[in-house]
Amino acid sequence: MKTETQRINNIVGQLEGIKKMVDEDKDCFEVLTQIKAVRSALRSFSSQYLSSRFSTCMSACKKDQSDEVCAKFMSELLDETL
């Protein structure tokens, strides 16, 4: 299984590939296909990251943060999952 850092590096590599494709004026369909792949990789990473850290994030929010900060975290979480 890849580490979080490896997954992020893969996403960065994909983005660099898209930049190169745009710079080289590659076919729009090919570029859009790669953009979709990056979006999918980001969604997957986000899901994995939140799954592995949700309890920790919520505990920290309850202990160390104001209600406003916790509400913002929950709002961002809901936006991410919808």
Protein backbone atom coordinates (compact mmCIF):
# COMPACT_ATOMS: atom_id res chain seq x y z
CA MET A 1 0.00 0.00 0.00
CA LYS A 2 1.29 3.44 -0.89
CA THR A 3 2.05 5.97 1.80
CA GLU A 4 0.24 9.29 1.87
CA THR A 5 3.40 11.00 0.65
CA GLN A 6 3.68 8.59 -2.27
CA ARG A 7 0.06 9.22 -3.21
CA ILE A 8 0.60 12.99 -3.06
CA ASN A 9 3.76 12.67 -5.18
CA ASN A 10 1.80 10.68 -7.76
CA ILE A 11 -0.83 13.42 -7.92
CA VAL A 12 1.85 16.09 -8.27
CA GLY A 13 3.41 14.05 -11.09
CA GLN A 14 0.06 13.83 -12.83
CA LEU A 15 -0.39 17.60 -12.54
CA GLU A 16 3.09 18.19 -13.94
CA GLY A 17 2.17 15.91 -16.84
CA ILE A 18 -0.97 17.95 -17.49
CA LYS A 19 1.06 21.18 -17.43
CA LYS A 20 3.44 19.71 -19.98
CA MET A 21 0.54 18.57 -22.16
CA VAL A 22 -0.97 22.06 -22.06
CA ASP A 23 2.40 23.67 -22.81
CA GLU A 24 2.78 21.34 -25.79
CA ASP A 25 -0.78 22.07 -26.96
CA LYS A 26 -1.83 18.42 -26.79
CA ASP A 27 -5.26 17.21 -27.80
CA CYS A 28 -7.99 18.59 -25.51
CA PHE A 29 -9.54 15.16 -25.02
CA GLU A 30 -6.24 13.75 -23.76
CA VAL A 31 -5.79 16.67 -21.37
CA LEU A 32 -9.33 16.34 -20.03
CA THR A 33 -8.81 12.61 -19.53
CA GLN A 34 -5.77 13.36 -17.38
CA ILE A 35 -7.65 16.06 -15.46
CA LYS A 36 -10.35 13.50 -14.64
CA ALA A 37 -7.66 11.09 -13.47
CA VAL A 38 -6.22 13.74 -11.12
CA ARG A 39 -9.66 14.57 -9.75
CA SER A 40 -10.27 10.89 -9.09
CA ALA A 41 -6.88 10.52 -7.40
CA LEU A 42 -7.58 13.56 -5.20
CA ARG A 43 -11.00 12.23 -4.22
CA SER A 44 -9.48 8.88 -3.38
CA PHE A 45 -6.69 10.47 -1.33
CA SER A 46 -9.14 12.74 0.47
CA SER A 47 -11.37 9.82 1.36
CA GLN A 48 -8.47 7.70 2.59
CA TYR A 49 -6.97 10.61 4.53
CA LEU A 50 -10.23 11.49 6.25
CA SER A 51 -11.01 7.86 7.02
CA SER A 52 -7.69 7.39 8.73
CA ARG A 53 -7.83 10.64 10.67
CA PHE A 54 -11.49 11.43 11.31
CA SER A 55 -11.50 10.41 14.98
CA THR A 56 -8.28 12.29 15.65
CA CYS A 57 -9.55 15.42 13.91
CA MET A 58 -12.84 15.34 15.78
CA SER A 59 -11.14 14.76 19.13
CA ALA A 60 -8.76 17.65 18.53
CA CYS A 61 -11.65 19.84 17.47
CA LYS A 62 -13.60 19.10 20.63
CA LYS A 63 -10.62 19.62 22.93
CA ASP A 64 -8.70 22.47 21.36
CA GLN A 65 -10.96 24.48 19.11
CA SER A 66 -13.91 26.80 19.39
CA ASP A 67 -17.38 25.76 18.26
CA GLU A 68 -16.91 27.98 15.21
CA VAL A 69 -13.76 26.12 14.12
CA CYS A 70 -15.45 22.75 14.67
CA ALA A 71 -18.48 23.85 12.66
CA LYS A 72 -16.20 24.97 9.84
CA PHE A 73 -14.41 21.59 9.88
CA MET A 74 -17.75 19.78 9.64
CA SER A 75 -18.89 22.07 6.83
CA GLU A 76 -15.69 21.41 4.88
CA LEU A 77 -16.06 17.69 5.53
CA LEU A 78 -19.62 17.70 4.19
CA ASP A 79 -18.58 19.70 1.12
CA GLU A 80 -15.82 17.17 0.46
CA THR A 81 -18.08 14.14 0.70
CA LEU A 82 -21.00 15.45 -1.36
